[in-house]
């Protein structure tokens, strides 16, 4: 069960979750070009980090595509930081897509801090889970009850995901907590102070 959770909620897939949440949370209906643009950027955010890891693995720069060591994680995380910074720039100038720019800038900051704290090896699964909880809080789905339900449900699910990372012996408690915090707080702080 732990492996299934780790696969289904892999950090590389979260841009899809965020785009679906975001596009469903808007008080207006997006035009078709904006929806297509959002899906194209989202697809690039999923493919670029995965492709980067596979290329590095093919070149022998990482031993395992699961990036088990802190050293192996640096370059793929920096690739993700670059991709998310590009998403920040893409979404920054589009008023109809407010909030996404702060989300991706916050995620870039969280991942960048993840590189700095690489000796601790923060859980990237939990970083993504924390970032998604921040998205639920910031994007506020139209129904207050739905937002509350999603927030509580995702918080409980994040705990389950964290326990599965510990059970798999991929991380310890400190790494799980640090990962979640690095995902949640930069996005929340940026949205509170610099959001629309």
Protein backbone atom coordinates (compact mmCIF):
# COMPACT_ATOMS: atom_id res chain seq x y z
CA UNK A 1 0.00 0.00 0.00
CA UNK A 2 2.87 2.40 0.82
CA UNK A 3 4.40 1.97 -2.62
CA UNK A 4 1.07 2.58 -4.32
CA UNK A 5 0.61 5.82 -2.35
CA UNK A 6 4.16 6.90 -3.18
CA UNK A 7 3.52 6.29 -6.88
CA UNK A 8 0.02 7.79 -7.15
CA UNK A 9 1.04 10.87 -5.19
CA UNK A 10 4.51 11.28 -6.63
CA UNK A 11 5.76 14.89 -6.41
CA UNK A 12 6.04 15.11 -10.20
CA UNK A 13 2.26 14.64 -10.55
CA UNK A 14 1.19 17.48 -8.24
CA UNK A 15 1.09 20.18 -10.95
CA UNK A 16 -1.89 18.25 -12.40
CA UNK A 17 -3.63 18.17 -9.01
CA UNK A 18 -2.97 21.88 -8.52
CA UNK A 19 -4.21 22.86 -11.99
CA UNK A 20 -7.44 20.87 -11.53
CA UNK A 21 -8.00 22.40 -8.08
CA UNK A 22 -7.19 25.88 -9.36
CA UNK A 23 -9.32 25.72 -12.50
CA UNK A 24 -12.27 24.42 -10.45
CA UNK A 25 -11.81 27.10 -7.77
CA UNK A 26 -12.06 30.16 -9.99
CA UNK A 27 -15.21 32.25 -9.70
CA UNK A 28 -15.16 32.76 -13.49
CA UNK A 29 -15.00 30.30 -16.35
CA UNK A 30 -11.65 30.40 -18.10
CA UNK A 31 -11.57 30.91 -21.83
CA UNK A 32 -10.51 27.96 -23.94
CA UNK A 33 -7.10 29.48 -24.81
CA UNK A 34 -6.33 30.07 -21.10
CA UNK A 35 -7.43 26.53 -20.20
CA UNK A 36 -5.25 25.09 -22.96
CA UNK A 37 -2.33 27.28 -21.90
CA UNK A 38 -2.72 26.08 -18.31
CA UNK A 39 -2.77 22.43 -19.37
CA UNK A 40 0.30 22.90 -21.61
CA UNK A 41 2.29 24.51 -18.78
CA UNK A 42 1.07 21.80 -16.38
CA UNK A 43 2.12 19.02 -18.77
CA UNK A 44 5.56 20.62 -19.13
CA UNK A 45 5.88 20.81 -15.33
CA UNK A 46 5.20 17.08 -15.09
CA UNK A 47 7.37 15.98 -18.02
CA UNK A 48 10.45 18.19 -17.50
CA UNK A 49 11.50 16.88 -14.05
CA UNK A 50 10.79 13.25 -15.01
CA UNK A 51 12.70 13.62 -18.28
CA UNK A 52 15.56 15.29 -16.41
CA UNK A 53 15.86 12.40 -13.98
CA UNK A 54 15.72 9.83 -16.78
CA UNK A 55 18.41 11.66 -18.77
CA UNK A 56 20.64 11.92 -15.68
CA UNK A 57 20.08 8.22 -15.00
CA UNK A 58 20.92 7.37 -18.62
CA UNK A 59 24.11 9.40 -18.37
CA UNK A 60 25.06 7.61 -15.16
CA UNK A 61 24.86 10.77 -13.07
CA UNK A 62 22.33 9.13 -10.75
CA UNK A 63 22.39 5.48 -9.76
CA UNK A 64 18.68 5.05 -9.35
CA UNK A 65 15.68 6.94 -10.78
CA UNK A 66 14.19 6.89 -7.26
CA UNK A 67 16.94 9.33 -6.13
CA UNK A 68 17.67 7.61 -2.85
CA UNK A 69 20.67 9.68 -1.81
CA UNK A 70 20.86 13.38 -1.04
CA UNK A 71 23.64 13.84 -3.61
CA UNK A 72 21.52 12.34 -6.41
CA UNK A 73 18.64 14.69 -5.65
CA UNK A 74 20.42 18.03 -6.15
CA UNK A 75 20.35 18.37 -9.94
CA UNK A 76 16.79 17.00 -10.40
CA UNK A 77 15.53 19.36 -7.69
CA UNK A 78 17.27 22.28 -9.40
CA UNK A 79 15.63 21.23 -12.69
CA UNK A 80 12.27 21.36 -10.91
CA UNK A 81 13.09 24.74 -9.37
CA UNK A 82 13.88 26.06 -12.86
CA UNK A 83 10.63 24.61 -14.28
CA UNK A 84 8.55 26.11 -11.46
CA UNK A 85 10.26 29.49 -11.83
CA UNK A 86 9.36 29.42 -15.52
CA UNK A 87 5.74 28.63 -14.57
CA UNK A 88 5.86 31.57 -12.16
CA UNK A 89 6.93 33.84 -15.02
CA UNK A 90 4.31 32.41 -17.40
CA UNK A 91 1.44 32.88 -14.96
CA UNK A 92 2.64 36.17 -13.48
CA UNK A 93 1.39 38.40 -16.26
CA UNK A 94 -2.06 36.80 -16.70
CA UNK A 95 -4.57 38.43 -14.38
CA UNK A 96 -7.18 35.72 -14.97
CA UNK A 97 -4.73 33.19 -13.52
CA UNK A 98 -3.98 35.11 -10.32
CA UNK A 99 -2.57 33.02 -7.51
CA UNK A 100 -0.74 30.48 -9.65
CA UNK A 101 2.31 32.71 -9.94
CA UNK A 102 2.63 32.96 -6.13
CA UNK A 103 2.06 29.22 -5.84
CA UNK A 104 4.89 28.33 -8.21
CA UNK A 105 7.24 30.95 -6.77
CA UNK A 106 6.56 29.57 -3.27
CA UNK A 107 7.12 26.03 -4.51
CA UNK A 108 10.43 27.12 -6.09
CA UNK A 109 11.50 28.67 -2.80
CA UNK A 110 10.50 25.52 -0.89
CA UNK A 111 12.44 23.28 -3.28
CA UNK A 112 15.41 25.65 -3.19
CA UNK A 113 15.41 25.42 0.59
CA UNK A 114 15.19 21.66 0.13
CA UNK A 115 18.53 21.79 -1.69
CA UNK A 116 20.01 23.87 1.15
CA UNK A 117 18.72 21.37 3.74
CA UNK A 118 19.84 18.44 1.58
CA UNK A 119 21.92 16.97 4.42
CA UNK A 120 18.62 16.31 6.21
CA UNK A 121 17.04 14.98 2.95
CA UNK A 122 13.54 16.48 3.24
CA UNK A 123 10.77 14.31 1.83
CA UNK A 124 9.80 15.58 -1.60
CA UNK A 125 6.52 13.66 -1.37
CA UNK A 126 5.70 15.62 1.76
CA UNK A 127 6.95 18.88 0.25
CA UNK A 128 4.45 18.39 -2.57
CA UNK A 129 1.70 17.41 -0.11
CA UNK A 130 2.35 20.53 1.96
CA UNK A 131 2.31 22.68 -1.18
CA UNK A 132 -1.03 21.16 -2.20
CA UNK A 133 -2.51 21.91 1.22
CA UNK A 134 -1.33 25.50 0.79
CA UNK A 135 -3.06 25.53 -2.61
CA UNK A 136 -6.30 24.38 -0.98
CA UNK A 137 -6.02 27.16 1.60
CA UNK A 138 -5.03 29.85 -0.91
CA UNK A 139 -7.26 28.97 -3.88
CA UNK A 140 -10.36 28.46 -1.70
CA UNK A 141 -12.79 26.38 -3.73
CA UNK A 142 -16.13 28.20 -4.24
CA UNK A 143 -17.94 26.35 -1.47
CA UNK A 144 -16.68 27.04 2.06
CA UNK A 145 -17.75 23.55 3.15
CA UNK A 146 -15.85 21.99 0.25
CA UNK A 147 -12.75 24.00 1.11
CA UNK A 148 -12.95 22.91 4.75
CA UNK A 149 -13.58 19.28 3.74
CA UNK A 150 -10.66 19.30 1.28
CA UNK A 151 -8.34 20.95 3.80
CA UNK A 152 -9.12 18.54 6.63
CA UNK A 153 -9.16 15.54 4.30
CA UNK A 154 -5.86 16.48 2.69
CA UNK A 155 -4.24 17.12 6.08
CA UNK A 156 -5.27 13.63 7.23
CA UNK A 157 -4.14 12.12 3.95
CA UNK A 158 -0.80 13.93 4.22
CA UNK A 159 -0.30 12.28 7.60
CA UNK A 160 -0.97 8.91 6.01
CA UNK A 161 1.44 9.68 3.18
CA UNK A 162 4.09 10.76 5.69
CA UNK A 163 3.66 7.56 7.68
CA UNK A 164 4.00 5.56 4.46
CA UNK A 165 7.31 7.33 3.67
CA UNK A 166 8.55 6.42 7.15
CA UNK A 167 7.27 2.83 6.84
CA UNK A 168 9.07 2.48 3.49
CA UNK A 169 12.21 3.68 5.31
CA UNK A 170 12.61 6.37 2.66
CA UNK A 171 12.57 9.05 5.37
CA UNK A 172 12.42 9.59 9.11
CA UNK A 173 9.99 11.78 11.07
CA UNK A 174 12.19 14.87 10.86
CA UNK A 175 12.58 14.60 7.07
CA UNK A 176 8.83 14.15 6.63
CA UNK A 177 8.01 17.18 8.79
CA UNK A 178 10.66 19.35 7.14
CA UNK A 179 9.42 18.41 3.67
CA UNK A 180 5.82 19.27 4.53
CA UNK A 181 6.86 22.58 6.09
CA UNK A 182 9.01 23.54 3.08
CA UNK A 183 6.04 22.94 0.80
CA UNK A 184 3.37 24.64 2.88
CA UNK A 185 4.85 27.77 4.43
CA UNK A 186 6.59 29.55 1.50
CA UNK A 187 3.39 29.40 -0.60
CA UNK A 188 1.18 30.49 2.26
CA UNK A 189 3.48 33.39 3.21
CA UNK A 190 3.84 34.62 -0.40
CA UNK A 191 0.09 34.41 -0.95
CA UNK A 192 -0.70 36.27 2.25
CA UNK A 193 1.77 39.09 1.65
CA UNK A 194 1.97 39.33 -2.13
CA UNK A 195 -1.19 37.64 -3.44
CA UNK A 196 -4.01 39.36 -5.28
